[in-house]
Amino acid sequence: MDLRQLEYFVAVAEEQNFTRAAERVHISQSGVSAQIRQLERELGAELFDRSARTVTLTVAGKAALEHARAALTAAGAVSQAVGEVTGLIRGRLALGMIIGCTITPLFDALAAFHRAHPGVVVSLLEDSSDRLADGVRAGALDLALIGTAEATVEGLESLTIVSERLVAAVPPGHPLTRRPRLTLRDLESYPIVCMPPGTGLRAVFDEACAAQRRRPLIALQASAADALADLAARGLGVAILSASMAAGYADRLTARTVDDVEAPARLALIWRGGHGPAVRAALAHLHRAFAVPAATM
């Protein structure tokens, strides 16, 4: 067996799906399946139960998983130790970001990191905020940029990049544009276009509605701000966005702050404690790109 096979095994175990595991390790699904089969032949036991829609570990697979993780961690530690002595950072950096992310400083930081540390293989995954946070906790991701309703993220270190009020975005001439003050009660009269559960913006909206016992109709859901804006511009509902999101559609939508939702929607970087040199270097580039003092790392 080799480290590559163990990496694929851990990826399938954590994703519970061969397709998602293949996307995570950047090879074809057939390649992952072939390597897992070879590993199973070498070990003399099946590691996964493939009979159901979700791939689950067999008893042998459960016994092997922690040892496989430990082997990968040990291999990473060897690379880290050499890198710290030579000053050359190698290895992998797995980064996650929310779906539809167009935050330019993030991409600037990735480009600067790649130029400074070409020996590090960078991977990037889009997903919902909840799944990204789970990925960082599980070690599948080193860093992630997520939307969150809270100032801190349980079990992880975090740094808030953006903190903004929620707005309701509607086409010019919509009745809501004529109200002197906009509240959640006003929104109950109209269909809502919003991000799905698992996103930070939706969490802020849902928590505010629950606190006031408001039940607006969530008519349409989409993960990308562009889709929400297009739906609202066509009169299909009131889009719930953050202030900076809505500013990008000022040519076709009027944004009104939802006055009685005081909790902000946040965009935050998250990572685990005890990170290696690649993560430390990436965080330094991200801090510079987002103009956040390095002392807050």
Protein backbone atom coordinates (compact mmCIF):
# COMPACT_ATOMS: atom_id res chain seq x y z
CA MET A 1 0.00 0.00 0.00
CA ASP A 2 1.08 3.61 -0.41
CA LEU A 3 0.12 7.01 0.98
CA ARG A 4 -1.95 7.83 -2.08
CA GLN A 5 -4.21 4.83 -1.46
CA LEU A 6 -4.59 5.81 2.19
CA GLU A 7 -5.48 9.38 1.18
CA TYR A 8 -8.20 8.08 -1.16
CA PHE A 9 -9.48 5.69 1.52
CA VAL A 10 -9.80 8.50 4.07
CA ALA A 11 -11.48 10.77 1.50
CA VAL A 12 -14.15 8.17 0.67
CA ALA A 13 -14.68 7.40 4.36
CA GLU A 14 -15.21 11.09 5.21
CA GLU A 15 -17.28 11.99 2.16
CA GLN A 16 -19.28 8.71 2.18
CA ASN A 17 -19.40 9.03 -1.58
CA PHE A 18 -16.91 8.05 -4.30
CA THR A 19 -17.82 10.97 -6.57
CA ARG A 20 -17.27 13.62 -3.88
CA ALA A 21 -14.07 11.88 -2.77
CA ALA A 22 -12.78 11.96 -6.35
CA GLU A 23 -13.52 15.68 -6.59
CA ARG A 24 -11.71 16.24 -3.31
CA VAL A 25 -8.50 14.47 -4.38
CA HIS A 26 -8.73 15.73 -7.98
CA ILE A 27 -8.77 12.45 -9.90
CA SER A 28 -11.50 10.50 -11.67
CA GLN A 29 -14.02 8.43 -9.76
CA SER A 30 -12.82 5.30 -11.55
CA GLY A 31 -9.27 6.07 -10.41
CA VAL A 32 -10.36 6.32 -6.77
CA SER A 33 -12.39 3.11 -7.06
CA ALA A 34 -9.48 1.23 -8.61
CA GLN A 35 -7.05 2.32 -5.91
CA ILE A 36 -9.50 1.39 -3.15
CA ARG A 37 -10.03 -2.04 -4.71
CA GLN A 38 -6.27 -2.55 -4.87
CA LEU A 39 -5.93 -1.53 -1.22
CA GLU A 40 -8.70 -3.95 -0.26
CA ARG A 41 -6.94 -6.79 -2.12
CA GLU A 42 -3.67 -6.00 -0.33
CA LEU A 43 -5.41 -5.98 3.06
CA GLY A 44 -7.55 -9.01 2.30
CA ALA A 45 -10.80 -7.36 3.39
CA GLU A 46 -13.47 -5.04 2.04
CA LEU A 47 -13.25 -1.58 3.59
CA PHE A 48 -16.58 -0.22 2.36
CA ASP A 49 -20.15 -1.42 2.12
CA ARG A 50 -21.23 -0.30 -1.34
CA SER A 51 -24.72 -1.80 -1.27
CA ALA A 52 -26.54 1.39 -0.23
CA ARG A 53 -26.69 4.84 -1.78
CA THR A 54 -24.31 6.15 0.88
CA VAL A 55 -20.97 4.38 1.13
CA THR A 56 -20.30 3.20 4.69
CA LEU A 57 -17.31 1.63 6.40
CA THR A 58 -17.25 -2.08 7.13
CA VAL A 59 -15.91 -3.35 10.46
CA ALA A 60 -12.49 -3.69 8.80
CA GLY A 61 -12.79 -0.19 7.36
CA LYS A 62 -13.57 1.29 10.77
CA ALA A 63 -10.55 -0.47 12.23
CA ALA A 64 -8.31 0.88 9.46
CA LEU A 65 -9.52 4.49 9.36
CA GLU A 66 -7.74 5.97 12.38
CA HIS A 67 -4.51 4.20 11.45
CA ALA A 68 -4.75 5.58 7.92
CA ARG A 69 -5.30 9.09 9.26
CA ALA A 70 -2.33 8.67 11.61
CA ALA A 71 -0.10 7.52 8.75
CA LEU A 72 -1.06 10.55 6.65
CA THR A 73 -0.51 12.86 9.60
CA ALA A 74 2.91 11.31 10.24
CA ALA A 75 3.89 11.69 6.58
CA GLY A 76 2.81 15.32 6.71
CA ALA A 77 4.86 15.84 9.86
CA VAL A 78 7.99 14.57 8.09
CA SER A 79 7.49 17.09 5.30
CA GLN A 80 6.75 19.82 7.82
CA ALA A 81 9.90 19.10 9.85
CA VAL A 82 12.11 19.23 6.78
CA GLY A 83 10.37 22.37 5.55
CA GLU A 84 10.92 24.15 8.85
CA VAL A 85 14.65 23.38 8.69
CA THR A 86 15.13 24.29 5.03
CA GLY A 87 12.57 27.11 4.88
CA LEU A 88 10.89 25.37 1.91
CA ILE A 89 7.19 24.66 2.48
CA ARG A 90 5.77 21.62 0.71
CA GLY A 91 2.63 19.54 0.97
CA ARG A 92 -1.04 20.31 0.39
CA LEU A 93 -3.43 23.10 1.32
CA ALA A 94 -7.13 22.28 1.13
CA LEU A 95 -9.25 25.43 1.06
CA GLY A 96 -13.04 25.70 1.09
CA MET A 97 -15.28 28.59 0.14
CA ILE A 98 -18.98 29.28 0.04
CA ILE A 99 -20.83 28.60 -3.21
CA GLY A 100 -20.81 31.51 -5.62
CA CYS A 101 -18.00 33.30 -3.79
CA THR A 102 -16.68 36.32 -5.69
CA ILE A 103 -14.50 37.78 -2.93
CA THR A 104 -11.51 39.07 -4.90
CA PRO A 105 -9.08 39.29 -1.94
CA LEU A 106 -9.43 35.53 -1.44
CA PHE A 107 -8.23 34.87 -4.98
CA ASP A 108 -5.48 37.47 -4.64
CA ALA A 109 -4.25 35.70 -1.50
CA LEU A 110 -4.27 32.30 -3.22
CA ALA A 111 -2.26 33.67 -6.14
CA ALA A 112 0.30 35.30 -3.82
CA PHE A 113 0.58 32.11 -1.76
CA HIS A 114 1.13 30.00 -4.89
CA ARG A 115 3.88 32.30 -6.12
CA ALA A 116 5.61 32.26 -2.73
CA HIS A 117 5.21 28.51 -2.11
CA PRO A 118 5.07 26.62 -5.43
CA GLY A 119 5.83 23.36 -3.62
CA VAL A 120 2.40 23.37 -1.99
CA VAL A 121 -0.46 21.82 -3.96
CA VAL A 122 -3.57 23.96 -3.42
CA SER A 123 -7.10 22.56 -3.78
CA LEU A 124 -10.32 24.56 -3.63
CA LEU A 125 -13.80 23.28 -2.82
CA GLU A 126 -17.17 25.06 -2.96
CA ASP A 127 -19.89 24.02 -0.53
CA SER A 128 -22.42 25.28 1.99
CA SER A 129 -21.08 26.96 5.12
CA ASP A 130 -22.22 24.15 7.43
CA ARG A 131 -20.50 21.47 5.35
CA LEU A 132 -17.33 23.55 5.06
CA ALA A 133 -17.16 23.96 8.84
CA ASP A 134 -17.64 20.21 9.26
CA GLY A 135 -14.84 19.64 6.74
CA VAL A 136 -12.44 21.84 8.68
CA ARG A 137 -13.33 20.11 11.97
CA ALA A 138 -12.79 16.68 10.38
CA GLY A 139 -9.46 17.70 8.87
CA ALA A 140 -10.66 17.35 5.28
CA LEU A 141 -10.08 21.10 4.83
CA ASP A 142 -7.31 23.26 6.27
CA LEU A 143 -9.09 26.60 5.89
CA ALA A 144 -12.49 27.80 4.77
CA LEU A 145 -14.28 31.04 4.03
CA ILE A 146 -17.84 30.70 5.30
CA GLY A 147 -20.95 32.70 6.05
CA THR A 148 -21.99 32.60 9.69
CA ALA A 149 -24.51 34.12 12.05
CA GLU A 150 -22.15 33.89 15.02
CA ALA A 151 -19.01 35.79 15.97
CA THR A 152 -17.27 32.50 16.82
CA VAL A 153 -17.47 29.04 15.26
CA GLU A 154 -17.63 26.10 17.67
CA GLY A 155 -14.42 24.13 17.94
CA LEU A 156 -12.50 26.30 15.48
CA GLU A 157 -10.45 29.44 15.31
CA SER A 158 -12.05 32.17 13.24
CA LEU A 159 -11.55 35.64 11.89
CA THR A 160 -14.48 37.81 10.78
CA ILE A 161 -13.78 39.43 7.41
CA VAL A 162 -17.14 41.09 6.74
CA SER A 163 -20.00 41.96 9.11
CA GLU A 164 -23.10 43.51 7.54
CA ARG A 165 -26.82 44.05 8.06
CA LEU A 166 -29.41 42.15 6.07
CA VAL A 167 -31.26 43.98 3.31
CA ALA A 168 -34.37 43.27 1.26
CA ALA A 169 -33.74 43.83 -2.45
CA VAL A 170 -36.66 44.56 -4.80
CA PRO A 171 -37.15 46.05 -8.27
CA PRO A 172 -37.70 49.84 -8.55
CA GLY A 173 -41.33 50.74 -7.91
CA HIS A 174 -41.99 47.80 -5.60
CA PRO A 175 -44.37 48.70 -2.72
CA LEU A 176 -41.64 48.06 -0.15
CA THR A 177 -39.54 50.90 -1.57
CA ARG A 178 -42.18 53.38 -0.41
CA ARG A 179 -42.20 52.31 3.24
CA PRO A 180 -40.39 54.70 5.59
CA ARG A 181 -39.20 51.72 7.65
CA LEU A 182 -38.90 48.06 6.68
CA THR A 183 -39.45 45.22 9.17
CA LEU A 184 -39.86 41.44 9.15
CA ARG A 185 -43.58 41.94 9.54
CA ASP A 186 -43.63 43.82 6.23
CA LEU A 187 -41.82 40.94 4.53
CA GLU A 188 -44.52 38.44 5.54
CA SER A 189 -46.76 39.93 2.84
CA TYR A 190 -44.41 38.92 0.01
CA PRO A 191 -42.71 35.74 -1.22
CA ILE A 192 -39.06 35.58 -0.15
CA VAL A 193 -36.10 34.64 -2.32
CA CYS A 194 -33.26 33.49 -0.06
CA MET A 195 -30.20 31.29 0.27
CA PRO A 196 -30.83 27.73 1.48
CA PRO A 197 -30.38 26.38 5.01
CA GLY A 198 -26.74 25.76 5.86
CA THR A 199 -25.66 29.23 4.76
CA GLY A 200 -24.74 32.05 7.13
CA LEU A 201 -27.12 34.57 5.61
CA ARG A 202 -30.06 32.17 5.90
CA ALA A 203 -29.14 31.40 9.52
CA VAL A 204 -29.29 35.10 10.41
CA PHE A 205 -32.66 35.49 8.69
CA ASP A 206 -34.17 32.34 10.21
CA GLU A 207 -32.97 33.20 13.72
CA ALA A 208 -34.40 36.71 13.48
CA CYS A 209 -37.75 35.38 12.24
CA ALA A 210 -37.88 32.76 15.00
CA ALA A 211 -37.10 35.35 17.68
CA GLN A 212 -40.07 37.46 16.53
CA ARG A 213 -42.30 34.50 15.65
CA ARG A 214 -42.51 35.60 12.05
CA ARG A 215 -43.13 33.06 9.30
CA PRO A 216 -42.42 34.59 5.90
CA LEU A 217 -42.94 32.39 2.85
CA ILE A 218 -39.60 31.19 1.47
CA ALA A 219 -40.74 30.79 -2.13
CA LEU A 220 -37.43 30.30 -3.94
CA GLN A 221 -33.94 29.32 -2.81
CA ALA A 222 -30.57 29.62 -4.52
CA SER A 223 -26.98 29.45 -3.31
CA ALA A 224 -25.58 32.18 -5.57
CA ALA A 225 -26.29 35.88 -5.05
CA ASP A 226 -26.55 36.38 -8.82
CA ALA A 227 -29.45 33.92 -8.97
CA LEU A 228 -31.25 35.60 -6.08
CA ALA A 229 -30.86 39.01 -7.71
CA ASP A 230 -32.10 37.74 -11.08
CA LEU A 231 -35.18 36.17 -9.49
CA ALA A 232 -35.99 39.33 -7.53
CA ALA A 233 -35.44 41.56 -10.56
CA ARG A 234 -38.05 39.51 -12.43
CA GLY A 235 -40.60 40.11 -9.69
CA LEU A 236 -40.56 36.57 -8.30
CA GLY A 237 -39.92 37.60 -4.71
CA VAL A 238 -38.03 39.80 -2.27
CA ALA A 239 -34.35 38.86 -2.18
CA ILE A 240 -32.67 38.68 1.21
CA LEU A 241 -29.03 39.69 0.81
CA SER A 242 -26.21 41.33 2.71
CA ALA A 243 -25.58 45.02 2.06
CA SER A 244 -22.45 44.49 -0.05
CA MET A 245 -24.12 41.76 -2.10
CA ALA A 246 -27.05 44.04 -2.91
CA ALA A 247 -24.71 46.89 -3.88
CA GLY A 248 -23.62 44.88 -6.91
CA TYR A 249 -27.15 44.93 -8.30
CA ALA A 250 -28.00 48.60 -7.72
CA ASP A 251 -28.70 49.04 -11.44
CA ARG A 252 -31.81 46.85 -11.18
CA LEU A 253 -32.66 46.41 -7.50
CA THR A 254 -33.39 48.77 -4.63
CA ALA A 255 -32.00 47.59 -1.30
CA ARG A 256 -33.67 48.43 2.01
CA THR A 257 -32.18 47.56 5.40
CA VAL A 258 -34.39 45.26 7.46
CA ASP A 259 -34.52 47.53 10.49
CA ASP A 260 -35.51 45.01 13.15
CA VAL A 261 -32.81 42.46 12.20
CA GLU A 262 -29.84 43.84 14.09
CA ALA A 263 -27.68 40.70 14.06
CA PRO A 264 -25.22 40.94 11.17
CA ALA A 265 -24.42 38.39 8.52
CA ARG A 266 -20.73 37.58 8.77
CA LEU A 267 -18.12 36.27 6.38
CA ALA A 268 -15.34 34.54 8.29
CA LEU A 269 -12.16 32.55 7.81
CA ILE A 270 -12.06 29.38 9.91
CA TRP A 271 -9.27 26.93 10.70
CA ARG A 272 -8.21 24.43 13.33
CA GLY A 273 -5.63 25.13 16.00
CA GLY A 274 -2.22 23.47 15.80
CA HIS A 275 -1.84 24.07 12.07
CA GLY A 276 1.35 23.51 10.07
CA PRO A 277 3.58 25.90 8.11
CA ALA A 278 1.46 25.82 4.93
CA VAL A 279 -1.63 26.95 6.83
CA ARG A 280 0.34 29.58 8.73
CA ALA A 281 1.73 30.97 5.48
CA ALA A 282 -1.72 30.94 3.85
CA LEU A 283 -3.22 32.77 6.83
CA ALA A 284 -0.53 35.43 6.56
CA HIS A 285 -1.40 36.00 2.89
CA LEU A 286 -5.11 36.08 3.68
CA HIS A 287 -4.60 38.63 6.44
CA ARG A 288 -2.67 40.87 4.06
CA ALA A 289 -5.25 40.46 1.28
CA PHE A 290 -8.11 41.34 3.62
CA ALA A 291 -6.02 44.08 5.31
CA VAL A 292 -6.38 42.50 8.78
CA PRO A 293 -3.49 42.96 11.26
CA ALA A 294 -1.40 39.80 11.55
CA ALA A 295 -1.55 40.06 15.36
CA THR A 296 -5.11 38.74 15.24
CA MET A 297 -4.01 35.42 13.73
